[in-house]
Amino acid sequence: MPLANVDFVSPPEVVGTVTSFFGGEIGLDPCSSEFANTMVCATRYFSWEQNGLKQKWKSKNVYVYPPRDFLTPIEQPPDSVLFRKKRRFTKSAQRIWLEECVRRYQRNEFDEAIIFLTSTEVALLVTQKLNIDFPICILKERPDLYLDEPGLPKLGPTKCFGFILYLPKLINPQKAVFEFREVFSNIGRVYC
């Protein structure tokens, strides 16, 4: 996975809400960096050099803020369906990470996950196209993003929106979704 020219770090209010929701600890951030993890404070993280798409995600919970980049077919994880002959094309990294997170969730690599997306196309259109039907929070305000470099300088006003997708625990999912709605309704509108 190539290093994006400029990548961003999650907004503190999103990270704080996620950390609180997960009981005070983010277990794994599979697409992070040394600088980003100073904000996220995940117990474990994978940098772009380690390529989290190729690592095991065994963890209690996972927080994912995918890079805002594009991945060529060679950089994408292999298709999990045998003999599928779909033409592969360059895709949004946010889409690839979303798809991979859902696949790993279905394989029980972790109990629950929060995916923070800033691509409206991925959050609203790709999820419908791929039948990814999980609770989503649309942030009330445009997110404050930070540059992924020393000191985490704040990025100026952005035109992107923020979307938080929740993959709930399989044990008592109704309770987990209710708690997601309760916690995340403070920073956005939640749809279940």
N, C-alpha and C. Protein backbone atom coordinates (compact mmCIF):
# COMPACT_ATOMS: atom_id res chain seq x y z
N MET A 1 0.85 -1.18 0.00
CA MET A 1 0.00 0.00 0.00
C MET A 1 0.89 1.23 0.00
N PRO A 2 0.73 2.11 -0.96
CA PRO A 2 1.58 3.29 -1.01
C PRO A 2 1.20 4.31 0.03
N LEU A 3 2.15 5.12 0.39
CA LEU A 3 1.89 6.21 1.32
C LEU A 3 1.21 7.33 0.54
N ALA A 4 0.07 7.76 1.03
CA ALA A 4 -0.65 8.87 0.37
C ALA A 4 0.19 10.13 0.49
N ASN A 5 0.04 11.02 -0.48
CA ASN A 5 0.76 12.29 -0.42
C ASN A 5 0.42 13.04 0.86
N VAL A 6 -0.86 13.12 1.15
CA VAL A 6 -1.31 13.76 2.37
C VAL A 6 -2.42 12.90 2.94
N ASP A 7 -2.24 12.42 4.15
CA ASP A 7 -3.31 11.67 4.78
C ASP A 7 -3.73 12.40 6.03
N PHE A 8 -4.89 12.02 6.54
CA PHE A 8 -5.46 12.75 7.66
C PHE A 8 -5.64 11.86 8.88
N VAL A 9 -5.80 12.52 10.02
CA VAL A 9 -6.00 11.85 11.30
C VAL A 9 -7.40 12.17 11.79
N SER A 10 -8.00 11.22 12.47
CA SER A 10 -9.36 11.35 12.97
C SER A 10 -9.57 12.57 13.85
N PRO A 11 -10.77 13.12 13.83
CA PRO A 11 -11.10 14.24 14.72
C PRO A 11 -11.12 13.78 16.18
N PRO A 12 -10.63 14.61 17.10
CA PRO A 12 -10.59 14.22 18.52
C PRO A 12 -11.96 13.88 19.09
N GLU A 13 -13.02 14.59 18.66
CA GLU A 13 -14.35 14.30 19.20
C GLU A 13 -14.85 12.93 18.76
N VAL A 14 -14.47 12.50 17.56
CA VAL A 14 -14.85 11.16 17.10
C VAL A 14 -14.05 10.12 17.88
N VAL A 15 -12.74 10.33 18.01
CA VAL A 15 -11.90 9.38 18.74
C VAL A 15 -12.35 9.27 20.19
N GLY A 16 -12.65 10.42 20.83
CA GLY A 16 -13.11 10.41 22.22
C GLY A 16 -14.41 9.65 22.38
N THR A 17 -15.34 9.85 21.45
CA THR A 17 -16.63 9.16 21.51
C THR A 17 -16.44 7.66 21.29
N VAL A 18 -15.61 7.29 20.33
CA VAL A 18 -15.34 5.87 20.06
C VAL A 18 -14.68 5.21 21.27
N THR A 19 -13.68 5.88 21.83
CA THR A 19 -12.97 5.33 23.00
C THR A 19 -13.95 5.12 24.16
N SER A 20 -14.79 6.10 24.41
CA SER A 20 -15.79 5.99 25.47
C SER A 20 -16.75 4.84 25.19
N PHE A 21 -17.22 4.75 23.94
CA PHE A 21 -18.16 3.71 23.55
C PHE A 21 -17.55 2.32 23.73
N PHE A 22 -16.26 2.18 23.44
CA PHE A 22 -15.57 0.90 23.58
C PHE A 22 -15.13 0.64 25.02
N GLY A 23 -15.59 1.40 25.97
CA GLY A 23 -15.25 1.15 27.37
C GLY A 23 -13.89 1.67 27.78
N GLY A 24 -13.38 2.67 27.07
CA GLY A 24 -12.12 3.30 27.45
C GLY A 24 -10.89 2.82 26.71
N GLU A 25 -11.06 1.89 25.76
CA GLU A 25 -9.89 1.37 25.06
C GLU A 25 -10.23 0.94 23.63
N ILE A 26 -9.45 1.44 22.69
CA ILE A 26 -9.53 0.97 21.30
C ILE A 26 -8.50 -0.14 21.17
N GLY A 27 -8.95 -1.34 20.83
CA GLY A 27 -8.06 -2.49 20.77
C GLY A 27 -7.11 -2.48 19.59
N LEU A 28 -7.64 -2.11 18.39
CA LEU A 28 -6.83 -2.15 17.18
C LEU A 28 -7.25 -1.06 16.21
N ASP A 29 -6.27 -0.39 15.65
CA ASP A 29 -6.47 0.54 14.52
C ASP A 29 -5.60 0.00 13.39
N PRO A 30 -6.19 -0.73 12.43
CA PRO A 30 -5.38 -1.40 11.41
C PRO A 30 -4.84 -0.50 10.29
N CYS A 31 -5.28 0.75 10.22
CA CYS A 31 -4.76 1.65 9.17
C CYS A 31 -4.39 2.99 9.81
N SER A 32 -3.27 2.97 10.49
CA SER A 32 -2.86 4.12 11.28
C SER A 32 -1.42 4.49 10.98
N SER A 33 -0.83 5.23 11.88
CA SER A 33 0.58 5.61 11.80
C SER A 33 1.04 5.98 13.20
N GLU A 34 2.32 6.19 13.34
CA GLU A 34 2.86 6.59 14.63
C GLU A 34 2.23 7.91 15.09
N PHE A 35 2.11 8.86 14.17
CA PHE A 35 1.54 10.16 14.54
C PHE A 35 0.05 10.05 14.82
N ALA A 36 -0.68 9.33 13.96
CA ALA A 36 -2.13 9.17 14.15
C ALA A 36 -2.43 8.48 15.47
N ASN A 37 -1.60 7.53 15.85
CA ASN A 37 -1.87 6.80 17.09
C ASN A 37 -1.65 7.66 18.33
N THR A 38 -0.95 8.79 18.21
CA THR A 38 -0.87 9.69 19.36
C THR A 38 -2.24 10.30 19.64
N MET A 39 -3.11 10.37 18.63
CA MET A 39 -4.48 10.86 18.81
C MET A 39 -5.42 9.71 19.17
N VAL A 40 -5.30 8.60 18.46
CA VAL A 40 -6.23 7.47 18.63
C VAL A 40 -5.92 6.66 19.89
N CYS A 41 -4.65 6.48 20.19
CA CYS A 41 -4.21 5.73 21.38
C CYS A 41 -4.72 4.29 21.39
N ALA A 42 -4.69 3.64 20.23
CA ALA A 42 -5.09 2.23 20.16
C ALA A 42 -4.01 1.37 20.83
N THR A 43 -4.44 0.27 21.43
CA THR A 43 -3.50 -0.65 22.05
C THR A 43 -2.53 -1.21 21.01
N ARG A 44 -3.07 -1.55 19.83
CA ARG A 44 -2.25 -2.01 18.70
C ARG A 44 -2.66 -1.24 17.46
N TYR A 45 -1.70 -0.99 16.60
CA TYR A 45 -2.02 -0.36 15.31
C TYR A 45 -1.05 -0.87 14.26
N PHE A 46 -1.48 -0.76 13.01
CA PHE A 46 -0.62 -1.09 11.88
C PHE A 46 -0.40 0.18 11.08
N SER A 47 0.86 0.43 10.75
CA SER A 47 1.20 1.59 9.93
C SER A 47 1.03 1.22 8.46
N TRP A 48 1.15 2.21 7.59
CA TRP A 48 1.01 1.92 6.16
C TRP A 48 2.10 0.97 5.69
N GLU A 49 3.29 1.03 6.32
CA GLU A 49 4.36 0.11 5.94
C GLU A 49 4.01 -1.34 6.27
N GLN A 50 3.30 -1.54 7.40
CA GLN A 50 2.90 -2.88 7.81
C GLN A 50 1.69 -3.38 7.03
N ASN A 51 0.97 -2.49 6.39
CA ASN A 51 -0.22 -2.80 5.59
C ASN A 51 -1.21 -3.68 6.35
N GLY A 52 -2.07 -3.05 7.09
CA GLY A 52 -3.08 -3.75 7.88
C GLY A 52 -4.00 -4.65 7.07
N LEU A 53 -4.08 -4.42 5.75
CA LEU A 53 -4.90 -5.31 4.93
C LEU A 53 -4.31 -6.71 4.86
N LYS A 54 -3.03 -6.86 5.19
CA LYS A 54 -2.37 -8.15 5.13
C LYS A 54 -2.09 -8.74 6.52
N GLN A 55 -2.57 -8.10 7.57
CA GLN A 55 -2.32 -8.53 8.94
C GLN A 55 -3.56 -9.19 9.53
N LYS A 56 -3.39 -9.90 10.64
CA LYS A 56 -4.51 -10.47 11.40
C LYS A 56 -5.10 -9.36 12.26
N TRP A 57 -6.42 -9.33 12.37
CA TRP A 57 -7.10 -8.29 13.13
C TRP A 57 -7.68 -8.81 14.43
N LYS A 58 -7.16 -9.86 14.99
CA LYS A 58 -7.70 -10.41 16.23
C LYS A 58 -7.69 -9.33 17.31
N SER A 59 -8.88 -8.98 17.77
CA SER A 59 -9.01 -7.92 18.76
C SER A 59 -10.42 -7.93 19.31
N LYS A 60 -10.58 -7.33 20.47
CA LYS A 60 -11.91 -7.17 21.05
C LYS A 60 -12.72 -6.18 20.22
N ASN A 61 -12.10 -5.05 19.88
CA ASN A 61 -12.77 -4.04 19.06
C ASN A 61 -11.78 -3.41 18.09
N VAL A 62 -12.32 -2.81 17.03
CA VAL A 62 -11.50 -2.24 15.98
C VAL A 62 -12.04 -0.86 15.62
N TYR A 63 -11.13 0.08 15.43
CA TYR A 63 -11.47 1.40 14.92
C TYR A 63 -10.74 1.61 13.61
N VAL A 64 -11.47 1.99 12.56
CA VAL A 64 -10.88 2.13 11.24
C VAL A 64 -11.22 3.52 10.68
N TYR A 65 -10.18 4.30 10.36
CA TYR A 65 -10.35 5.50 9.54
C TYR A 65 -9.47 5.29 8.32
N PRO A 66 -10.07 4.80 7.23
CA PRO A 66 -9.28 4.45 6.05
C PRO A 66 -8.61 5.66 5.42
N PRO A 67 -7.49 5.44 4.77
CA PRO A 67 -6.83 6.54 4.06
C PRO A 67 -7.71 7.06 2.92
N ARG A 68 -7.52 8.32 2.60
CA ARG A 68 -8.25 8.94 1.49
C ARG A 68 -7.35 8.87 0.25
N ASP A 69 -7.28 7.71 -0.32
CA ASP A 69 -6.38 7.45 -1.43
C ASP A 69 -7.07 6.46 -2.35
N PHE A 70 -6.38 6.00 -3.37
CA PHE A 70 -6.90 4.97 -4.26
C PHE A 70 -5.92 3.82 -4.29
N LEU A 71 -6.45 2.60 -4.41
CA LEU A 71 -5.60 1.41 -4.48
C LEU A 71 -5.78 0.75 -5.84
N THR A 72 -4.66 0.43 -6.45
CA THR A 72 -4.69 -0.28 -7.73
C THR A 72 -5.08 -1.73 -7.47
N PRO A 73 -5.48 -2.46 -8.51
CA PRO A 73 -5.88 -3.87 -8.31
C PRO A 73 -4.81 -4.70 -7.60
N ILE A 74 -3.54 -4.46 -7.88
CA ILE A 74 -2.46 -5.24 -7.27
C ILE A 74 -2.33 -4.97 -5.77
N GLU A 75 -2.74 -3.77 -5.32
CA GLU A 75 -2.63 -3.39 -3.91
C GLU A 75 -3.83 -3.84 -3.08
N GLN A 76 -4.87 -4.33 -3.73
CA GLN A 76 -6.10 -4.73 -3.04
C GLN A 76 -5.98 -6.17 -2.54
N PRO A 77 -6.66 -6.49 -1.45
CA PRO A 77 -6.66 -7.88 -0.97
C PRO A 77 -7.28 -8.80 -2.02
N PRO A 78 -6.86 -10.06 -2.05
CA PRO A 78 -7.44 -10.99 -3.03
C PRO A 78 -8.92 -11.20 -2.76
N ASP A 79 -9.66 -11.49 -3.82
CA ASP A 79 -11.09 -11.75 -3.69
C ASP A 79 -11.28 -13.05 -2.92
N SER A 80 -12.21 -13.04 -1.99
CA SER A 80 -12.42 -14.21 -1.15
C SER A 80 -13.30 -15.28 -1.81
N VAL A 81 -13.92 -14.97 -2.93
CA VAL A 81 -14.79 -15.92 -3.62
C VAL A 81 -13.99 -16.60 -4.73
N LEU A 82 -13.96 -17.92 -4.70
CA LEU A 82 -13.23 -18.67 -5.73
C LEU A 82 -13.89 -18.51 -7.09
N PHE A 83 -13.08 -18.43 -8.09
CA PHE A 83 -13.52 -18.43 -9.49
C PHE A 83 -14.38 -17.22 -9.87
N ARG A 84 -14.34 -16.16 -9.08
CA ARG A 84 -15.05 -14.94 -9.47
C ARG A 84 -14.20 -14.24 -10.52
N LYS A 85 -14.79 -13.95 -11.64
CA LYS A 85 -14.03 -13.36 -12.74
C LYS A 85 -14.42 -11.90 -12.96
N LYS A 86 -14.59 -11.17 -11.91
CA LYS A 86 -14.89 -9.75 -12.06
C LYS A 86 -13.62 -9.01 -12.43
N ARG A 87 -13.79 -8.07 -13.31
CA ARG A 87 -12.65 -7.23 -13.69
C ARG A 87 -12.31 -6.34 -12.50
N ARG A 88 -11.08 -6.35 -12.11
CA ARG A 88 -10.65 -5.53 -10.99
C ARG A 88 -10.20 -4.17 -11.51
N PHE A 89 -10.47 -3.15 -10.74
CA PHE A 89 -10.13 -1.79 -11.14
C PHE A 89 -9.66 -1.00 -9.93
N THR A 90 -9.05 0.14 -10.16
CA THR A 90 -8.60 1.00 -9.08
C THR A 90 -9.83 1.46 -8.29
N LYS A 91 -9.75 1.32 -6.98
CA LYS A 91 -10.88 1.67 -6.11
C LYS A 91 -10.43 2.60 -5.00
N SER A 92 -11.39 3.28 -4.45
CA SER A 92 -11.16 4.13 -3.29
C SER A 92 -10.64 3.28 -2.13
N ALA A 93 -9.60 3.75 -1.45
CA ALA A 93 -9.09 3.03 -0.28
C ALA A 93 -10.16 2.93 0.79
N GLN A 94 -11.01 3.93 0.90
CA GLN A 94 -12.07 3.85 1.91
C GLN A 94 -13.02 2.69 1.60
N ARG A 95 -13.30 2.48 0.31
CA ARG A 95 -14.15 1.35 -0.07
C ARG A 95 -13.46 0.02 0.23
N ILE A 96 -12.20 -0.10 -0.14
CA ILE A 96 -11.46 -1.34 0.09
C ILE A 96 -11.42 -1.68 1.59
N TRP A 97 -11.09 -0.68 2.42
CA TRP A 97 -11.02 -0.91 3.87
C TRP A 97 -12.38 -1.26 4.45
N LEU A 98 -13.44 -0.62 3.96
CA LEU A 98 -14.79 -0.94 4.42
C LEU A 98 -15.12 -2.39 4.08
N GLU A 99 -14.90 -2.78 2.84
CA GLU A 99 -15.18 -4.16 2.42
C GLU A 99 -14.37 -5.16 3.25
N GLU A 100 -13.10 -4.86 3.46
CA GLU A 100 -12.23 -5.77 4.22
C GLU A 100 -12.68 -5.86 5.68
N CYS A 101 -13.07 -4.75 6.25
CA CYS A 101 -13.53 -4.75 7.64
C CYS A 101 -14.80 -5.60 7.78
N VAL A 102 -15.73 -5.47 6.85
CA VAL A 102 -16.95 -6.27 6.90
C VAL A 102 -16.63 -7.75 6.72
N ARG A 103 -15.71 -8.09 5.80
CA ARG A 103 -15.32 -9.50 5.62
C ARG A 103 -14.74 -10.08 6.90
N ARG A 104 -13.86 -9.33 7.55
CA ARG A 104 -13.22 -9.82 8.76
C ARG A 104 -14.20 -9.91 9.92
N TYR A 105 -15.16 -9.00 9.95
CA TYR A 105 -16.23 -9.05 10.96
C TYR A 105 -17.04 -10.32 10.77
N GLN A 106 -17.37 -10.65 9.53
CA GLN A 106 -18.13 -11.86 9.24
C GLN A 106 -17.35 -13.13 9.57
N ARG A 107 -16.02 -13.03 9.57
CA ARG A 107 -15.16 -14.17 9.95
C ARG A 107 -14.84 -14.17 11.44
N ASN A 108 -15.45 -13.26 12.20
CA ASN A 108 -15.28 -13.17 13.66
C ASN A 108 -13.85 -12.89 14.09
N GLU A 109 -13.13 -12.05 13.36
CA GLU A 109 -11.78 -11.68 13.77
C GLU A 109 -11.81 -10.69 14.93
N PHE A 110 -12.94 -10.03 15.14
CA PHE A 110 -13.10 -9.08 16.24
C PHE A 110 -14.57 -9.05 16.63
N ASP A 111 -14.86 -8.49 17.81
CA ASP A 111 -16.24 -8.47 18.32
C ASP A 111 -17.09 -7.36 17.72
N GLU A 112 -16.51 -6.18 17.59
CA GLU A 112 -17.26 -5.03 17.07
C GLU A 112 -16.29 -4.04 16.45
N ALA A 113 -16.82 -3.15 15.59
CA ALA A 113 -15.96 -2.18 14.92
C ALA A 113 -16.71 -0.88 14.67
N ILE A 114 -15.94 0.18 14.65
CA ILE A 114 -16.40 1.50 14.23
C ILE A 114 -15.55 1.88 13.02
N ILE A 115 -16.21 2.28 11.94
CA ILE A 115 -15.52 2.72 10.73
C ILE A 115 -15.89 4.19 10.51
N PHE A 116 -14.89 5.05 10.50
CA PHE A 116 -15.11 6.48 10.25
C PHE A 116 -14.79 6.75 8.79
N LEU A 117 -15.79 7.23 8.06
CA LEU A 117 -15.63 7.50 6.63
C LEU A 117 -15.83 8.98 6.35
N THR A 118 -15.07 9.50 5.40
CA THR A 118 -15.25 10.88 4.96
C THR A 118 -15.61 10.93 3.48
N SER A 119 -15.83 9.80 2.89
CA SER A 119 -16.26 9.72 1.50
C SER A 119 -17.77 9.49 1.47
N THR A 120 -18.50 10.49 1.00
CA THR A 120 -19.96 10.37 0.92
C THR A 120 -20.34 9.22 0.00
N GLU A 121 -19.62 9.08 -1.11
CA GLU A 121 -19.91 8.00 -2.05
C GLU A 121 -19.80 6.63 -1.39
N VAL A 122 -18.74 6.42 -0.63
CA VAL A 122 -18.56 5.12 0.03
C VAL A 122 -19.60 4.93 1.12
N ALA A 123 -19.81 5.94 1.96
CA ALA A 123 -20.72 5.81 3.10
C ALA A 123 -22.17 5.59 2.68
N LEU A 124 -22.60 6.26 1.62
CA LEU A 124 -24.01 6.19 1.26
C LEU A 124 -24.32 5.34 0.04
N LEU A 125 -23.45 5.35 -0.97
CA LEU A 125 -23.75 4.60 -2.19
C LEU A 125 -23.17 3.20 -2.20
N VAL A 126 -21.89 3.08 -1.84
CA VAL A 126 -21.25 1.76 -1.86
C VAL A 126 -21.90 0.83 -0.84
N THR A 127 -22.24 1.35 0.33
CA THR A 127 -22.89 0.50 1.34
C THR A 127 -24.21 -0.06 0.81
N GLN A 128 -24.95 0.75 0.05
CA GLN A 128 -26.21 0.25 -0.54
C GLN A 128 -25.95 -0.76 -1.64
N LYS A 129 -24.99 -0.44 -2.51
CA LYS A 129 -24.67 -1.34 -3.62
C LYS A 129 -24.22 -2.71 -3.13
N LEU A 130 -23.45 -2.74 -2.05
CA LEU A 130 -22.91 -4.00 -1.53
C LEU A 130 -23.77 -4.60 -0.42
N ASN A 131 -24.93 -4.03 -0.16
CA ASN A 131 -25.84 -4.49 0.89
C ASN A 131 -25.17 -4.53 2.26
N ILE A 132 -24.39 -3.50 2.54
CA ILE A 132 -23.77 -3.36 3.86
C ILE A 132 -24.74 -2.54 4.69
N ASP A 133 -25.50 -3.24 5.52
CA ASP A 133 -26.61 -2.62 6.23
C ASP A 133 -26.36 -2.64 7.73
N PHE A 134 -25.65 -1.63 8.21
CA PHE A 134 -25.34 -1.50 9.63
C PHE A 134 -25.73 -0.11 10.10
N PRO A 135 -25.88 0.07 11.40
CA PRO A 135 -26.19 1.42 11.92
C PRO A 135 -25.13 2.43 11.49
N ILE A 136 -25.59 3.65 11.18
CA ILE A 136 -24.68 4.70 10.74
C ILE A 136 -25.04 6.00 11.43
N CYS A 137 -24.01 6.76 11.76
CA CYS A 137 -24.18 8.09 12.34
C CYS A 137 -23.61 9.10 11.34
N ILE A 138 -24.43 10.09 11.00
CA ILE A 138 -23.96 11.16 10.13
C ILE A 138 -23.66 12.35 11.04
N LEU A 139 -22.41 12.78 11.05
CA LEU A 139 -22.00 13.85 11.96
C LEU A 139 -22.78 15.12 11.71
N LYS A 140 -23.08 15.84 12.80
CA LYS A 140 -23.82 17.11 12.71
C LYS A 140 -23.01 18.18 12.01
N GLU A 141 -21.70 18.16 12.23
CA GLU A 141 -20.82 19.18 11.66
C GLU A 141 -19.73 18.51 10.84
N ARG A 142 -19.18 19.28 9.92
CA ARG A 142 -18.06 18.75 9.14
C ARG A 142 -16.90 18.46 10.10
N PRO A 143 -16.23 17.32 9.92
CA PRO A 143 -15.19 16.94 10.88
C PRO A 143 -13.94 17.80 10.80
N ASP A 144 -13.33 18.05 11.95
CA ASP A 144 -12.02 18.69 12.00
C ASP A 144 -10.97 17.60 11.80
N LEU A 145 -10.23 17.69 10.72
CA LEU A 145 -9.20 16.69 10.43
C LEU A 145 -7.82 17.28 10.68
N TYR A 146 -6.87 16.40 10.93
CA TYR A 146 -5.50 16.80 11.22
C TYR A 146 -4.58 16.10 10.25
N LEU A 147 -3.48 16.76 9.91
CA LEU A 147 -2.51 16.16 9.00
C LEU A 147 -1.70 15.09 9.73
N ASP A 148 -1.44 14.01 9.04
CA ASP A 148 -0.68 12.89 9.60
C ASP A 148 0.81 13.18 9.48
N GLU A 149 1.29 14.06 10.34
CA GLU A 149 2.70 14.43 10.37
C GLU A 149 3.02 14.92 11.78
N PRO A 150 4.29 15.11 12.09
CA PRO A 150 4.64 15.52 13.46
C PRO A 150 3.85 16.75 13.92
N GLY A 151 3.36 16.68 15.15
CA GLY A 151 2.60 17.78 15.72
C GLY A 151 1.13 17.77 15.36
N LEU A 152 0.72 16.93 14.42
CA LEU A 152 -0.67 16.82 13.97
C LEU A 152 -1.31 18.17 13.72
N PRO A 153 -0.77 18.95 12.77
CA PRO A 153 -1.38 20.25 12.49
C PRO A 153 -2.81 20.10 11.99
N LYS A 154 -3.67 21.01 12.44
CA LYS A 154 -5.07 20.97 12.05
C LYS A 154 -5.22 21.43 10.60
N LEU A 155 -6.02 20.69 9.86
CA LEU A 155 -6.33 21.03 8.49
C LEU A 155 -7.36 22.15 8.52
N GLY A 156 -7.31 23.02 7.54
CA GLY A 156 -8.30 24.09 7.46
C GLY A 156 -9.69 23.52 7.23
N PRO A 157 -10.67 24.39 7.03
CA PRO A 157 -12.04 23.90 6.81
C PRO A 157 -12.09 22.91 5.64
N THR A 158 -12.81 21.83 5.83
CA THR A 158 -12.93 20.81 4.79
C THR A 158 -14.33 20.82 4.21
N LYS A 159 -14.47 20.23 3.04
CA LYS A 159 -15.78 20.11 2.41
C LYS A 159 -16.37 18.72 2.63
N CYS A 160 -15.63 17.85 3.30
CA CYS A 160 -16.11 16.49 3.47
C CYS A 160 -17.07 16.40 4.67
N PHE A 161 -17.89 15.37 4.63
CA PHE A 161 -18.79 15.07 5.73
C PHE A 161 -18.20 13.89 6.50
N GLY A 162 -18.74 13.62 7.67
CA GLY A 162 -18.26 12.50 8.47
C GLY A 162 -19.37 11.49 8.69
N PHE A 163 -19.03 10.22 8.51
CA PHE A 163 -19.97 9.12 8.68
C PHE A 163 -19.33 8.06 9.58
N ILE A 164 -20.08 7.57 10.55
CA ILE A 164 -19.57 6.55 11.46
C ILE A 164 -20.46 5.32 11.32
N LEU A 165 -19.87 4.25 10.82
CA LEU A 165 -20.58 2.99 10.61
C LEU A 165 -20.24 2.06 11.76
N TYR A 166 -21.25 1.40 12.31
CA TYR A 166 -21.04 0.50 13.46
C TYR A 166 -21.34 -0.94 13.09
N LEU A 167 -20.36 -1.81 13.31
CA LEU A 167 -20.55 -3.25 13.17
C LEU A 167 -20.69 -3.79 14.59
N PRO A 168 -21.92 -4.13 15.01
CA PRO A 168 -22.20 -4.43 16.42
C PRO A 168 -21.73 -5.82 16.88
N LYS A 169 -21.62 -5.94 18.19
CA LYS A 169 -21.33 -7.23 18.80
C LYS A 169 -22.42 -8.21 18.39
N LEU A 170 -22.05 -9.47 18.21
CA LEU A 170 -23.04 -10.47 17.85
C LEU A 170 -23.78 -11.01 19.06
N ILE A 171 -23.20 -10.81 20.23
CA ILE A 171 -23.88 -11.18 21.47
C ILE A 171 -24.72 -9.99 21.89
N ASN A 172 -26.03 -10.17 21.89
CA ASN A 172 -27.00 -9.12 22.24
C ASN A 172 -26.82 -7.88 21.35
N PRO A 173 -26.95 -8.03 20.03
CA PRO A 173 -26.75 -6.90 19.12
C PRO A 173 -27.75 -5.77 19.32
N GLN A 174 -28.97 -6.08 19.75
CA GLN A 174 -29.96 -5.03 19.96
C GLN A 174 -29.49 -4.06 21.04
N LYS A 175 -28.92 -4.60 22.11
CA LYS A 175 -28.40 -3.74 23.19
C LYS A 175 -27.22 -2.91 22.67
N ALA A 176 -26.34 -3.53 21.90
CA ALA A 176 -25.18 -2.83 21.36
C ALA A 176 -25.61 -1.68 20.44
N VAL A 177 -26.61 -1.92 19.59
CA VAL A 177 -27.10 -0.89 18.68
C VAL A 177 -27.78 0.23 19.47
N PHE A 178 -28.54 -0.13 20.51
CA PHE A 178 -29.16 0.88 21.36
C PHE A 178 -28.10 1.77 22.01
N GLU A 179 -27.04 1.16 22.52
CA GLU A 179 -25.95 1.92 23.14
C GLU A 179 -25.24 2.81 22.10
N PHE A 180 -25.05 2.29 20.90
CA PHE A 180 -24.46 3.09 19.83
C PHE A 180 -25.31 4.34 19.58
N ARG A 181 -26.61 4.13 19.47
CA ARG A 181 -27.52 5.26 19.23
C ARG A 181 -27.43 6.28 20.37
N GLU A 182 -27.43 5.79 21.60
CA GLU A 182 -27.38 6.68 22.76
C GLU A 182 -26.10 7.52 22.78
N VAL A 183 -24.97 6.88 22.55
CA VAL A 183 -23.67 7.56 22.64
C VAL A 183 -23.42 8.48 21.44
N PHE A 184 -23.67 7.98 20.23
CA PHE A 184 -23.30 8.73 19.04
C PHE A 184 -24.32 9.79 18.64
N SER A 185 -25.52 9.77 19.23
CA SER A 185 -26.50 10.82 18.93
C SER A 185 -26.04 12.16 19.48
N ASN A 186 -25.01 12.16 20.33
CA ASN A 186 -24.45 13.42 20.85
C ASN A 186 -23.64 14.15 19.78
N ILE A 187 -23.12 13.42 18.77
CA ILE A 187 -22.30 14.08 17.75
C ILE A 187 -22.91 14.02 16.35
N GLY A 188 -24.05 13.36 16.22
CA GLY A 188 -24.68 13.27 14.91
C GLY A 188 -26.03 12.61 14.97
N ARG A 189 -26.59 12.38 13.80
CA ARG A 189 -27.87 11.71 13.71
C ARG A 189 -27.63 10.24 13.38
N VAL A 190 -28.23 9.37 14.17
CA VAL A 190 -28.00 7.93 14.02
C VAL A 190 -29.20 7.28 13.32
N TYR A 191 -28.88 6.45 12.33
CA TYR A 191 -29.89 5.68 11.60
C TYR A 191 -29.58 4.19 11.80
N CYS A 192 -30.60 3.45 12.17
CA CYS A 192 -30.40 2.01 12.42
C CYS A 192 -31.23 1.18 11.46
